[in-house]
Protein backbone atom coordinates (compact mmCIF):
# COMPACT_ATOMS: atom_id res chain seq x y z
CA MET A 1 0.00 0.00 0.00
CA SER A 2 0.94 3.61 -0.28
CA GLU A 3 0.09 6.93 1.33
CA ALA A 4 -2.69 7.24 -1.24
CA SER A 5 -4.42 4.26 0.39
CA GLY A 6 -3.95 5.57 3.90
CA GLU A 7 -0.76 3.78 4.92
CA THR A 8 2.19 5.77 6.11
CA ARG A 9 5.39 4.64 7.78
CA ALA A 10 6.90 5.05 11.24
CA VAL A 11 7.87 8.52 12.37
CA PRO A 12 10.36 8.52 15.27
CA GLY A 13 8.76 9.81 18.46
CA THR A 14 5.21 9.77 17.06
CA VAL A 15 2.38 7.45 18.07
CA GLY A 16 1.47 5.05 15.27
CA ILE A 17 -2.09 4.05 14.40
CA VAL A 18 -3.23 0.61 13.19
CA LEU A 19 -6.77 0.14 11.89
CA VAL A 20 -8.04 -3.44 12.00
CA SER A 21 -11.14 -4.55 10.13
CA HIS A 22 -12.49 -7.84 8.88
CA SER A 23 -12.26 -6.32 5.41
CA GLY A 24 -9.08 -5.12 3.73
CA PRO A 25 -10.93 -2.49 1.69
CA VAL A 26 -12.70 -1.17 4.80
CA ALA A 27 -9.45 -0.86 6.77
CA GLY A 28 -7.73 0.84 3.85
CA SER A 29 -10.61 3.22 3.24
CA VAL A 30 -10.86 4.21 6.90
CA ALA A 31 -7.11 4.87 6.95
CA GLU A 32 -7.37 6.97 3.80
CA LEU A 33 -10.36 8.88 5.23
CA ALA A 34 -8.63 9.57 8.54
CA VAL A 35 -5.49 10.87 6.83
CA GLY A 36 -7.60 12.94 4.43
CA LEU A 37 -9.69 14.47 7.20
CA ALA A 38 -6.51 15.31 9.06
CA GLY A 39 -5.89 17.72 6.22
CA GLY A 40 -4.04 15.23 4.07
CA THR A 41 -0.90 16.26 5.90
CA ALA A 42 -1.16 13.88 8.83
CA THR A 43 2.25 13.24 10.30
CA ALA A 44 1.13 10.29 12.38
CA PRO A 45 1.93 6.97 10.74
CA VAL A 46 -1.17 4.96 9.87
CA ALA A 47 -1.52 1.40 8.59
CA PRO A 48 -4.60 -0.65 7.76
CA ALA A 49 -4.67 -4.33 8.69
CA GLY A 50 -7.80 -5.72 7.15
CA GLY A 51 -8.99 -9.11 6.10
CA THR A 52 -6.83 -12.15 5.59
CA GLU A 53 -3.55 -12.62 3.74
CA ASP A 54 -5.41 -13.96 0.70
CA GLY A 55 -7.79 -11.00 0.57
CA GLY A 56 -10.71 -12.72 2.24
CA LEU A 57 -12.86 -11.56 5.12
CA GLY A 58 -11.48 -12.14 8.59
CA THR A 59 -8.60 -11.03 10.74
CA SER A 60 -4.95 -11.90 10.45
CA SER A 61 -2.45 -11.76 13.29
CA GLU A 62 0.31 -11.56 10.68
CA LEU A 63 -1.20 -8.48 9.01
CA ILE A 64 -1.81 -6.81 12.37
CA THR A 65 1.74 -7.50 13.55
CA SER A 66 3.24 -6.26 10.28
CA ALA A 67 1.15 -3.06 10.38
CA ALA A 68 2.09 -2.36 14.01
CA ARG A 69 5.78 -2.80 13.26
CA ALA A 70 5.50 -0.55 10.20
CA VAL A 71 4.08 2.39 12.19
CA ASP A 72 6.10 1.95 15.38
CA GLY A 73 8.14 5.09 15.95
CA GLY A 74 8.90 4.31 19.58
CA ALA A 75 6.08 6.36 21.13
CA GLY A 76 3.50 3.58 21.16
CA VAL A 77 0.97 2.15 18.75
CA ALA A 78 -2.79 2.67 19.07
CA VAL A 79 -4.79 -0.18 17.57
CA LEU A 80 -8.44 0.44 16.70
CA VAL A 81 -10.63 -2.47 15.61
CA ASP A 82 -14.05 -3.06 14.14
CA LEU A 83 -15.61 -6.01 15.99
CA GLY A 84 -15.56 -9.54 17.33
CA SER A 85 -12.57 -11.59 16.29
CA ALA A 86 -10.55 -8.46 15.52
CA VAL A 87 -10.74 -7.60 19.22
CA LEU A 88 -9.87 -11.16 20.23
CA THR A 89 -6.95 -11.35 17.80
CA VAL A 90 -5.40 -8.12 19.07
CA LYS A 91 -5.94 -9.18 22.71
CA ALA A 92 -4.23 -12.52 21.98
CA LEU A 93 -1.27 -10.76 20.34
CA LEU A 94 -0.95 -8.41 23.32
CA ALA A 95 -1.09 -11.38 25.73
CA GLU A 96 1.73 -13.13 23.86
CA GLY A 97 3.86 -10.12 24.70
CA ASP A 98 6.47 -10.41 21.96
CA GLU A 99 4.51 -10.13 18.72
CA LEU A 100 3.59 -6.44 18.85
CA PRO A 101 5.95 -3.52 19.51
CA ASP A 102 6.35 -2.34 23.11
CA GLY A 103 3.73 0.27 23.91
CA THR A 104 1.05 -1.20 21.66
CA ARG A 105 -2.41 -0.61 23.06
CA LEU A 106 -5.89 -1.79 22.03
CA VAL A 107 -8.06 1.33 22.06
CA ASP A 108 -11.76 1.04 22.86
CA ALA A 109 -13.19 3.44 20.29
CA PRO A 110 -15.46 3.44 17.25
CA LEU A 111 -13.39 2.56 14.20
CA VAL A 112 -14.16 5.45 11.85
CA GLU A 113 -14.64 8.38 14.24
CA GLY A 114 -11.95 7.06 16.57
CA ALA A 115 -9.48 6.70 13.70
CA VAL A 116 -9.97 10.31 12.66
CA ALA A 117 -9.55 11.56 16.23
CA ALA A 118 -6.50 9.35 16.80
CA VAL A 119 -4.74 10.42 13.59
CA VAL A 120 -5.42 14.12 14.15
CA THR A 121 -4.27 13.94 17.77
CA ALA A 122 -1.18 11.84 17.07
CA SER A 123 -0.24 14.23 14.28
CA THR A 124 0.07 17.02 16.86
CA GLY A 125 2.81 15.04 18.59
CA ALA A 126 0.56 13.96 21.46
CA ASP A 127 1.49 10.92 23.54
CA LEU A 128 -0.29 7.56 23.51
CA ASP A 129 -2.53 8.44 26.48
CA ALA A 130 -3.80 11.57 24.69
CA VAL A 131 -4.31 9.68 21.42
CA GLU A 132 -6.30 7.01 23.24
CA ALA A 133 -8.38 9.61 25.08
CA ALA A 134 -9.21 11.44 21.85
CA ALA A 135 -10.24 8.22 20.11
CA ARG A 136 -12.39 7.12 23.08
CA GLU A 137 -14.13 10.52 23.13
CA ALA A 138 -15.44 9.71 19.68
CA TYR A 139 -18.09 7.58 21.39
CA ASP A 140 -19.63 10.88 22.50
CA TYR A 141 -20.01 12.31 18.98
CA ARG A 142 -23.74 12.84 18.61
CA LYS A 143 -25.38 12.40 15.23
CA ALA A 144 -28.90 13.15 16.39
CA ASP A 145 -30.59 14.49 19.48
């Protein structure tokens, strides 16, 4: 993938963002949207990890691990997921302790709104706690009264 599809590479000292979906196109599109809504000049590294290695629906620990390593700049990696087995896969990788970069954190946030908030916040140079807080606040975005 390229920056055009939402993937960027590690930036030393910046929190990286990994977006996990059961669908490769969904993960890639959310990454592209988040970078675009961050003004297209997002400095936070972002990588989608969607679907399976063969392009099918599902989640892949290998794709998640590769994405996390690609965006790891040493300031932590925020991982946002869509549902079900994506959550379980990331939790299992975190429990193993050696698959994901140090400072990788599963963030409880909505995938789309949380991704935008995380990318914008990380692009300001904020730390992992601030990136997580911004993504979690996306649960409060009201769409109707």
